Amino acid sequence: GWTLWSAEIPVSAKSSTVQLCAKA
């Protein structure tokens, strides 16, 4: 079966856009 995941991650205070990545 699938594994469901969740996370809370810090982002740069200086950026207006960010790229999120995931790898299992």
mmCIF file of all heavy atoms, coordinates in Angstrom:
data_MODEL
# 
_entry.id   MODEL 
# 
loop_
_atom_site.group_PDB 
_atom_site.id 
_atom_site.type_symbol 
_atom_site.label_atom_id 
_atom_site.label_alt_id 
_atom_site.label_comp_id 
_atom_site.label_asym_id 
_atom_site.label_entity_id 
_atom_site.label_seq_id 
_atom_site.pdbx_PDB_ins_code 
_atom_site.Cartn_x 
_atom_site.Cartn_y 
_atom_site.Cartn_z 
_atom_site.occupancy 
_atom_site.B_iso_or_equiv 
_atom_site.pdbx_formal_charge 
_atom_site.auth_seq_id 
_atom_site.auth_comp_id 
_atom_site.auth_asym_id 
_atom_site.auth_atom_id 
_atom_site.pdbx_PDB_model_num 
ATOM 1   N N   . GLY A 1 1  ? 0.787  -1.227 0.000  1.00 0.00 ? 1  GLY A N   1 
ATOM 2   C CA  . GLY A 1 1  ? 0.000  0.000  0.000  1.00 0.00 ? 1  GLY A CA  1 
ATOM 3   C C   . GLY A 1 1  ? 0.820  1.279  0.000  1.00 0.00 ? 1  GLY A C   1 
ATOM 4   O O   . GLY A 1 1  ? 2.035  1.275  0.222  1.00 0.00 ? 1  GLY A O   1 
ATOM 5   N N   . TRP A 1 2  ? 0.119  2.384  -0.245 1.00 0.00 ? 2  TRP A N   1 
ATOM 6   C CA  . TRP A 1 2  ? 0.748  3.698  -0.186 1.00 0.00 ? 2  TRP A CA  1 
ATOM 7   C C   . TRP A 1 2  ? 1.094  4.065  1.250  1.00 0.00 ? 2  TRP A C   1 
ATOM 8   O O   . TRP A 1 2  ? 0.452  3.622  2.195  1.00 0.00 ? 2  TRP A O   1 
ATOM 9   C CB  . TRP A 1 2  ? -0.203 4.754  -0.723 1.00 0.00 ? 2  TRP A CB  1 
ATOM 10  C CG  . TRP A 1 2  ? -0.412 4.746  -2.204 1.00 0.00 ? 2  TRP A CG  1 
ATOM 11  C CD1 . TRP A 1 2  ? 0.062  3.838  -3.094 1.00 0.00 ? 2  TRP A CD1 1 
ATOM 12  C CD2 . TRP A 1 2  ? -1.181 5.684  -2.962 1.00 0.00 ? 2  TRP A CD2 1 
ATOM 13  N NE1 . TRP A 1 2  ? -0.351 4.146  -4.358 1.00 0.00 ? 2  TRP A NE1 1 
ATOM 14  C CE2 . TRP A 1 2  ? -1.119 5.281  -4.311 1.00 0.00 ? 2  TRP A CE2 1 
ATOM 15  C CE3 . TRP A 1 2  ? -1.898 6.817  -2.627 1.00 0.00 ? 2  TRP A CE3 1 
ATOM 16  C CZ2 . TRP A 1 2  ? -1.762 5.988  -5.321 1.00 0.00 ? 2  TRP A CZ2 1 
ATOM 17  C CZ3 . TRP A 1 2  ? -2.539 7.518  -3.640 1.00 0.00 ? 2  TRP A CZ3 1 
ATOM 18  C CH2 . TRP A 1 2  ? -2.468 7.110  -4.967 1.00 0.00 ? 2  TRP A CH2 1 
ATOM 19  N N   . THR A 1 3  ? 2.090  4.914  1.387  1.00 0.00 ? 3  THR A N   1 
ATOM 20  C CA  . THR A 1 3  ? 2.411  5.568  2.652  1.00 0.00 ? 3  THR A CA  1 
ATOM 21  C C   . THR A 1 3  ? 2.069  7.047  2.517  1.00 0.00 ? 3  THR A C   1 
ATOM 22  O O   . THR A 1 3  ? 2.506  7.700  1.563  1.00 0.00 ? 3  THR A O   1 
ATOM 23  C CB  . THR A 1 3  ? 3.899  5.405  2.997  1.00 0.00 ? 3  THR A CB  1 
ATOM 24  O OG1 . THR A 1 3  ? 4.178  4.022  3.256  1.00 0.00 ? 3  THR A OG1 1 
ATOM 25  C CG2 . THR A 1 3  ? 4.273  6.228  4.222  1.00 0.00 ? 3  THR A CG2 1 
ATOM 26  N N   . LEU A 1 4  ? 1.277  7.565  3.444  1.00 0.00 ? 4  LEU A N   1 
ATOM 27  C CA  . LEU A 1 4  ? 0.944  8.986  3.447  1.00 0.00 ? 4  LEU A CA  1 
ATOM 28  C C   . LEU A 1 4  ? 1.903  9.710  4.383  1.00 0.00 ? 4  LEU A C   1 
ATOM 29  O O   . LEU A 1 4  ? 2.184  9.226  5.475  1.00 0.00 ? 4  LEU A O   1 
ATOM 30  C CB  . LEU A 1 4  ? -0.498 9.191  3.902  1.00 0.00 ? 4  LEU A CB  1 
ATOM 31  C CG  . LEU A 1 4  ? -1.564 8.424  3.105  1.00 0.00 ? 4  LEU A CG  1 
ATOM 32  C CD1 . LEU A 1 4  ? -2.955 8.744  3.649  1.00 0.00 ? 4  LEU A CD1 1 
ATOM 33  C CD2 . LEU A 1 4  ? -1.484 8.747  1.621  1.00 0.00 ? 4  LEU A CD2 1 
ATOM 34  N N   . TRP A 1 5  ? 2.390  10.845 3.966  1.00 0.00 ? 5  TRP A N   1 
ATOM 35  C CA  . TRP A 1 5  ? 3.356  11.578 4.774  1.00 0.00 ? 5  TRP A CA  1 
ATOM 36  C C   . TRP A 1 5  ? 2.941  13.039 4.923  1.00 0.00 ? 5  TRP A C   1 
ATOM 37  O O   . TRP A 1 5  ? 2.196  13.580 4.100  1.00 0.00 ? 5  TRP A O   1 
ATOM 38  C CB  . TRP A 1 5  ? 4.766  11.493 4.172  1.00 0.00 ? 5  TRP A CB  1 
ATOM 39  C CG  . TRP A 1 5  ? 4.895  12.007 2.768  1.00 0.00 ? 5  TRP A CG  1 
ATOM 40  C CD1 . TRP A 1 5  ? 4.828  11.277 1.615  1.00 0.00 ? 5  TRP A CD1 1 
ATOM 41  C CD2 . TRP A 1 5  ? 5.121  13.376 2.371  1.00 0.00 ? 5  TRP A CD2 1 
ATOM 42  N NE1 . TRP A 1 5  ? 4.986  12.086 0.527  1.00 0.00 ? 5  TRP A NE1 1 
ATOM 43  C CE2 . TRP A 1 5  ? 5.166  13.378 0.958  1.00 0.00 ? 5  TRP A CE2 1 
ATOM 44  C CE3 . TRP A 1 5  ? 5.286  14.560 3.053  1.00 0.00 ? 5  TRP A CE3 1 
ATOM 45  C CZ2 . TRP A 1 5  ? 5.374  14.547 0.225  1.00 0.00 ? 5  TRP A CZ2 1 
ATOM 46  C CZ3 . TRP A 1 5  ? 5.477  15.735 2.330  1.00 0.00 ? 5  TRP A CZ3 1 
ATOM 47  C CH2 . TRP A 1 5  ? 5.526  15.710 0.942  1.00 0.00 ? 5  TRP A CH2 1 
ATOM 48  N N   . SER A 1 6  ? 3.428  13.670 5.961  1.00 0.00 ? 6  SER A N   1 
ATOM 49  C CA  . SER A 1 6  ? 3.199  15.101 6.173  1.00 0.00 ? 6  SER A CA  1 
ATOM 50  C C   . SER A 1 6  ? 4.421  15.697 6.842  1.00 0.00 ? 6  SER A C   1 
ATOM 51  O O   . SER A 1 6  ? 5.172  15.008 7.532  1.00 0.00 ? 6  SER A O   1 
ATOM 52  C CB  . SER A 1 6  ? 1.944  15.346 7.016  1.00 0.00 ? 6  SER A CB  1 
ATOM 53  O OG  . SER A 1 6  ? 2.060  14.730 8.282  1.00 0.00 ? 6  SER A OG  1 
ATOM 54  N N   . ALA A 1 7  ? 4.617  16.994 6.619  1.00 0.00 ? 7  ALA A N   1 
ATOM 55  C CA  . ALA A 1 7  ? 5.797  17.660 7.161  1.00 0.00 ? 7  ALA A CA  1 
ATOM 56  C C   . ALA A 1 7  ? 5.518  19.148 7.320  1.00 0.00 ? 7  ALA A C   1 
ATOM 57  O O   . ALA A 1 7  ? 4.681  19.726 6.614  1.00 0.00 ? 7  ALA A O   1 
ATOM 58  C CB  . ALA A 1 7  ? 6.994  17.458 6.237  1.00 0.00 ? 7  ALA A CB  1 
ATOM 59  N N   . GLU A 1 8  ? 6.234  19.740 8.237  1.00 0.00 ? 8  GLU A N   1 
ATOM 60  C CA  . GLU A 1 8  ? 6.233  21.186 8.417  1.00 0.00 ? 8  GLU A CA  1 
ATOM 61  C C   . GLU A 1 8  ? 7.668  21.640 8.232  1.00 0.00 ? 8  GLU A C   1 
ATOM 62  O O   . GLU A 1 8  ? 8.558  21.198 8.968  1.00 0.00 ? 8  GLU A O   1 
ATOM 63  C CB  . GLU A 1 8  ? 5.716  21.543 9.814  1.00 0.00 ? 8  GLU A CB  1 
ATOM 64  C CG  . GLU A 1 8  ? 5.381  23.009 9.990  1.00 0.00 ? 8  GLU A CG  1 
ATOM 65  C CD  . GLU A 1 8  ? 4.700  23.278 11.319 1.00 0.00 ? 8  GLU A CD  1 
ATOM 66  O OE1 . GLU A 1 8  ? 5.226  22.803 12.348 1.00 0.00 ? 8  GLU A OE1 1 
ATOM 67  O OE2 . GLU A 1 8  ? 3.667  23.960 11.320 1.00 0.00 ? 8  GLU A OE2 1 
ATOM 68  N N   . ILE A 1 9  ? 7.906  22.494 7.248  1.00 0.00 ? 9  ILE A N   1 
ATOM 69  C CA  . ILE A 1 9  ? 9.290  22.812 6.895  1.00 0.00 ? 9  ILE A CA  1 
ATOM 70  C C   . ILE A 1 9  ? 9.532  24.320 6.920  1.00 0.00 ? 9  ILE A C   1 
ATOM 71  O O   . ILE A 1 9  ? 8.651  25.116 6.598  1.00 0.00 ? 9  ILE A O   1 
ATOM 72  C CB  . ILE A 1 9  ? 9.657  22.268 5.507  1.00 0.00 ? 9  ILE A CB  1 
ATOM 73  C CG1 . ILE A 1 9  ? 8.765  22.886 4.429  1.00 0.00 ? 9  ILE A CG1 1 
ATOM 74  C CG2 . ILE A 1 9  ? 9.555  20.757 5.477  1.00 0.00 ? 9  ILE A CG2 1 
ATOM 75  C CD1 . ILE A 1 9  ? 9.232  22.585 3.034  1.00 0.00 ? 9  ILE A CD1 1 
ATOM 76  N N   . PRO A 1 10 ? 10.746 24.728 7.300  1.00 0.00 ? 10 PRO A N   1 
ATOM 77  C CA  . PRO A 1 10 ? 11.075 26.156 7.289  1.00 0.00 ? 10 PRO A CA  1 
ATOM 78  C C   . PRO A 1 10 ? 11.303 26.649 5.867  1.00 0.00 ? 10 PRO A C   1 
ATOM 79  O O   . PRO A 1 10 ? 11.785 25.906 5.002  1.00 0.00 ? 10 PRO A O   1 
ATOM 80  C CB  . PRO A 1 10 ? 12.366 26.213 8.113  1.00 0.00 ? 10 PRO A CB  1 
ATOM 81  C CG  . PRO A 1 10 ? 12.985 24.858 7.940  1.00 0.00 ? 10 PRO A CG  1 
ATOM 82  C CD  . PRO A 1 10 ? 11.842 23.892 7.828  1.00 0.00 ? 10 PRO A CD  1 
ATOM 83  N N   . VAL A 1 11 ? 10.950 27.908 5.622  1.00 0.00 ? 11 VAL A N   1 
ATOM 84  C CA  . VAL A 1 11 ? 11.194 28.539 4.324  1.00 0.00 ? 11 VAL A CA  1 
ATOM 85  C C   . VAL A 1 11 ? 11.893 29.867 4.553  1.00 0.00 ? 11 VAL A C   1 
ATOM 86  O O   . VAL A 1 11 ? 11.788 30.479 5.622  1.00 0.00 ? 11 VAL A O   1 
ATOM 87  C CB  . VAL A 1 11 ? 9.881  28.743 3.531  1.00 0.00 ? 11 VAL A CB  1 
ATOM 88  C CG1 . VAL A 1 11 ? 9.304  27.419 3.078  1.00 0.00 ? 11 VAL A CG1 1 
ATOM 89  C CG2 . VAL A 1 11 ? 8.859  29.516 4.360  1.00 0.00 ? 11 VAL A CG2 1 
ATOM 90  N N   . SER A 1 12 ? 12.581 30.335 3.540  1.00 0.00 ? 12 SER A N   1 
ATOM 91  C CA  . SER A 1 12 ? 13.379 31.546 3.657  1.00 0.00 ? 12 SER A CA  1 
ATOM 92  C C   . SER A 1 12 ? 12.485 32.776 3.826  1.00 0.00 ? 12 SER A C   1 
ATOM 93  O O   . SER A 1 12 ? 11.531 32.977 3.067  1.00 0.00 ? 12 SER A O   1 
ATOM 94  C CB  . SER A 1 12 ? 14.264 31.717 2.420  1.00 0.00 ? 12 SER A CB  1 
ATOM 95  O OG  . SER A 1 12 ? 14.901 32.973 2.430  1.00 0.00 ? 12 SER A OG  1 
ATOM 96  N N   . ALA A 1 13 ? 12.832 33.600 4.787  1.00 0.00 ? 13 ALA A N   1 
ATOM 97  C CA  . ALA A 1 13 ? 12.074 34.836 5.014  1.00 0.00 ? 13 ALA A CA  1 
ATOM 98  C C   . ALA A 1 13 ? 12.356 35.864 3.924  1.00 0.00 ? 13 ALA A C   1 
ATOM 99  O O   . ALA A 1 13 ? 11.611 36.839 3.773  1.00 0.00 ? 13 ALA A O   1 
ATOM 100 C CB  . ALA A 1 13 ? 12.443 35.405 6.376  1.00 0.00 ? 13 ALA A CB  1 
ATOM 101 N N   . LYS A 1 14 ? 13.408 35.651 3.143  1.00 0.00 ? 14 LYS A N   1 
ATOM 102 C CA  . LYS A 1 14 ? 13.789 36.610 2.107  1.00 0.00 ? 14 LYS A CA  1 
ATOM 103 C C   . LYS A 1 14 ? 13.167 36.304 0.751  1.00 0.00 ? 14 LYS A C   1 
ATOM 104 O O   . LYS A 1 14 ? 13.259 37.119 -0.160 1.00 0.00 ? 14 LYS A O   1 
ATOM 105 C CB  . LYS A 1 14 ? 15.319 36.623 1.965  1.00 0.00 ? 14 LYS A CB  1 
ATOM 106 C CG  . LYS A 1 14 ? 16.061 37.016 3.241  1.00 0.00 ? 14 LYS A CG  1 
ATOM 107 C CD  . LYS A 1 14 ? 17.561 36.966 3.022  1.00 0.00 ? 14 LYS A CD  1 
ATOM 108 C CE  . LYS A 1 14 ? 18.319 37.340 4.300  1.00 0.00 ? 14 LYS A CE  1 
ATOM 109 N NZ  . LYS A 1 14 ? 19.788 37.275 4.092  1.00 0.00 ? 14 LYS A NZ  1 
ATOM 110 N N   . SER A 1 15 ? 12.565 35.148 0.620  1.00 0.00 ? 15 SER A N   1 
ATOM 111 C CA  . SER A 1 15 ? 12.059 34.727 -0.690 1.00 0.00 ? 15 SER A CA  1 
ATOM 112 C C   . SER A 1 15 ? 10.550 34.909 -0.789 1.00 0.00 ? 15 SER A C   1 
ATOM 113 O O   . SER A 1 15 ? 9.818  34.725 0.191  1.00 0.00 ? 15 SER A O   1 
ATOM 114 C CB  . SER A 1 15 ? 12.402 33.262 -0.933 1.00 0.00 ? 15 SER A CB  1 
ATOM 115 O OG  . SER A 1 15 ? 13.804 33.053 -0.906 1.00 0.00 ? 15 SER A OG  1 
ATOM 116 N N   . SER A 1 16 ? 10.091 35.259 -1.993 1.00 0.00 ? 16 SER A N   1 
ATOM 117 C CA  . SER A 1 16 ? 8.654  35.322 -2.247 1.00 0.00 ? 16 SER A CA  1 
ATOM 118 C C   . SER A 1 16 ? 8.141  34.047 -2.905 1.00 0.00 ? 16 SER A C   1 
ATOM 119 O O   . SER A 1 16 ? 6.951  33.745 -2.855 1.00 0.00 ? 16 SER A O   1 
ATOM 120 C CB  . SER A 1 16 ? 8.328  36.517 -3.144 1.00 0.00 ? 16 SER A CB  1 
ATOM 121 O OG  . SER A 1 16 ? 9.029  36.416 -4.381 1.00 0.00 ? 16 SER A OG  1 
ATOM 122 N N   . THR A 1 17 ? 9.053  33.289 -3.521 1.00 0.00 ? 17 THR A N   1 
ATOM 123 C CA  . THR A 1 17 ? 8.710  31.990 -4.104 1.00 0.00 ? 17 THR A CA  1 
ATOM 124 C C   . THR A 1 17 ? 9.744  30.968 -3.675 1.00 0.00 ? 17 THR A C   1 
ATOM 125 O O   . THR A 1 17 ? 10.929 31.304 -3.514 1.00 0.00 ? 17 THR A O   1 
ATOM 126 C CB  . THR A 1 17 ? 8.662  32.046 -5.645 1.00 0.00 ? 17 THR A CB  1 
ATOM 127 O OG1 . THR A 1 17 ? 9.966  32.409 -6.139 1.00 0.00 ? 17 THR A OG1 1 
ATOM 128 C CG2 . THR A 1 17 ? 7.632  33.057 -6.114 1.00 0.00 ? 17 THR A CG2 1 
ATOM 129 N N   . VAL A 1 18 ? 9.307  29.744 -3.480 1.00 0.00 ? 18 VAL A N   1 
ATOM 130 C CA  . VAL A 1 18 ? 10.228 28.658 -3.133 1.00 0.00 ? 18 VAL A CA  1 
ATOM 131 C C   . VAL A 1 18 ? 9.849  27.407 -3.907 1.00 0.00 ? 18 VAL A C   1 
ATOM 132 O O   . VAL A 1 18 ? 8.708  27.249 -4.361 1.00 0.00 ? 18 VAL A O   1 
ATOM 133 C CB  . VAL A 1 18 ? 10.209 28.338 -1.614 1.00 0.00 ? 18 VAL A CB  1 
ATOM 134 C CG1 . VAL A 1 18 ? 10.736 29.505 -0.812 1.00 0.00 ? 18 VAL A CG1 1 
ATOM 135 C CG2 . VAL A 1 18 ? 8.815  27.948 -1.161 1.00 0.00 ? 18 VAL A CG2 1 
ATOM 136 N N   . GLN A 1 19 ? 10.824 26.525 -4.050 1.00 0.00 ? 19 GLN A N   1 
ATOM 137 C CA  . GLN A 1 19 ? 10.571 25.231 -4.674 1.00 0.00 ? 19 GLN A CA  1 
ATOM 138 C C   . GLN A 1 19 ? 10.617 24.148 -3.606 1.00 0.00 ? 19 GLN A C   1 
ATOM 139 O O   . GLN A 1 19 ? 11.621 23.987 -2.916 1.00 0.00 ? 19 GLN A O   1 
ATOM 140 C CB  . GLN A 1 19 ? 11.602 24.922 -5.762 1.00 0.00 ? 19 GLN A CB  1 
ATOM 141 C CG  . GLN A 1 19 ? 11.297 23.622 -6.506 1.00 0.00 ? 19 GLN A CG  1 
ATOM 142 C CD  . GLN A 1 19 ? 12.306 23.332 -7.602 1.00 0.00 ? 19 GLN A CD  1 
ATOM 143 O OE1 . GLN A 1 19 ? 13.414 22.896 -7.332 1.00 0.00 ? 19 GLN A OE1 1 
ATOM 144 N NE2 . GLN A 1 19 ? 11.912 23.595 -8.846 1.00 0.00 ? 19 GLN A NE2 1 
ATOM 145 N N   . LEU A 1 20 ? 9.515  23.422 -3.491 1.00 0.00 ? 20 LEU A N   1 
ATOM 146 C CA  . LEU A 1 20 ? 9.431  22.317 -2.548 1.00 0.00 ? 20 LEU A CA  1 
ATOM 147 C C   . LEU A 1 20 ? 9.821  21.022 -3.263 1.00 0.00 ? 20 LEU A C   1 
ATOM 148 O O   . LEU A 1 20 ? 9.491  20.828 -4.430 1.00 0.00 ? 20 LEU A O   1 
ATOM 149 C CB  . LEU A 1 20 ? 8.008  22.187 -2.001 1.00 0.00 ? 20 LEU A CB  1 
ATOM 150 C CG  . LEU A 1 20 ? 7.377  23.470 -1.449 1.00 0.00 ? 20 LEU A CG  1 
ATOM 151 C CD1 . LEU A 1 20 ? 5.952  23.197 -0.974 1.00 0.00 ? 20 LEU A CD1 1 
ATOM 152 C CD2 . LEU A 1 20 ? 8.224  24.064 -0.338 1.00 0.00 ? 20 LEU A CD2 1 
ATOM 153 N N   . CYS A 1 21 ? 10.523 20.132 -2.563 1.00 0.00 ? 21 CYS A N   1 
ATOM 154 C CA  . CYS A 1 21 ? 10.947 18.854 -3.139 1.00 0.00 ? 21 CYS A CA  1 
ATOM 155 C C   . CYS A 1 21 ? 10.631 17.723 -2.167 1.00 0.00 ? 21 CYS A C   1 
ATOM 156 O O   . CYS A 1 21 ? 10.606 17.929 -0.949 1.00 0.00 ? 21 CYS A O   1 
ATOM 157 C CB  . CYS A 1 21 ? 12.442 18.827 -3.415 1.00 0.00 ? 21 CYS A CB  1 
ATOM 158 S SG  . CYS A 1 21 ? 13.048 20.124 -4.496 1.00 0.00 ? 21 CYS A SG  1 
ATOM 159 N N   . ALA A 1 22 ? 10.435 16.531 -2.730 1.00 0.00 ? 22 ALA A N   1 
ATOM 160 C CA  . ALA A 1 22 ? 10.236 15.334 -1.905 1.00 0.00 ? 22 ALA A CA  1 
ATOM 161 C C   . ALA A 1 22 ? 10.930 14.155 -2.559 1.00 0.00 ? 22 ALA A C   1 
ATOM 162 O O   . ALA A 1 22 ? 10.939 14.028 -3.790 1.00 0.00 ? 22 ALA A O   1 
ATOM 163 C CB  . ALA A 1 22 ? 8.757  15.033 -1.726 1.00 0.00 ? 22 ALA A CB  1 
ATOM 164 N N   . LYS A 1 23 ? 11.535 13.296 -1.723 1.00 0.00 ? 23 LYS A N   1 
ATOM 165 C CA  . LYS A 1 23 ? 12.117 12.042 -2.207 1.00 0.00 ? 23 LYS A CA  1 
ATOM 166 C C   . LYS A 1 23 ? 11.935 10.988 -1.120 1.00 0.00 ? 23 LYS A C   1 
ATOM 167 O O   . LYS A 1 23 ? 12.109 11.248 0.063  1.00 0.00 ? 23 LYS A O   1 
ATOM 168 C CB  . LYS A 1 23 ? 13.599 12.202 -2.564 1.00 0.00 ? 23 LYS A CB  1 
ATOM 169 C CG  . LYS A 1 23 ? 14.516 12.661 -1.431 1.00 0.00 ? 23 LYS A CG  1 
ATOM 170 C CD  . LYS A 1 23 ? 15.940 12.823 -1.933 1.00 0.00 ? 23 LYS A CD  1 
ATOM 171 C CE  . LYS A 1 23 ? 16.881 13.418 -0.899 1.00 0.00 ? 23 LYS A CE  1 
ATOM 172 N NZ  . LYS A 1 23 ? 17.259 12.481 0.172  1.00 0.00 ? 23 LYS A NZ  1 
ATOM 173 N N   . ALA A 1 24 ? 11.562 9.791  -1.550 1.00 0.00 ? 24 ALA A N   1 
ATOM 174 C CA  . ALA A 1 24 ? 11.286 8.709  -0.609 1.00 0.00 ? 24 ALA A CA  1 
ATOM 175 C C   . ALA A 1 24 ? 12.449 7.729  -0.551 1.00 0.00 ? 24 ALA A C   1 
ATOM 176 O O   . ALA A 1 24 ? 13.251 7.622  -1.492 1.00 0.00 ? 24 ALA A O   1 
ATOM 177 C CB  . ALA A 1 24 ? 10.014 7.970  -1.016 1.00 0.00 ? 24 ALA A CB  1 
# 
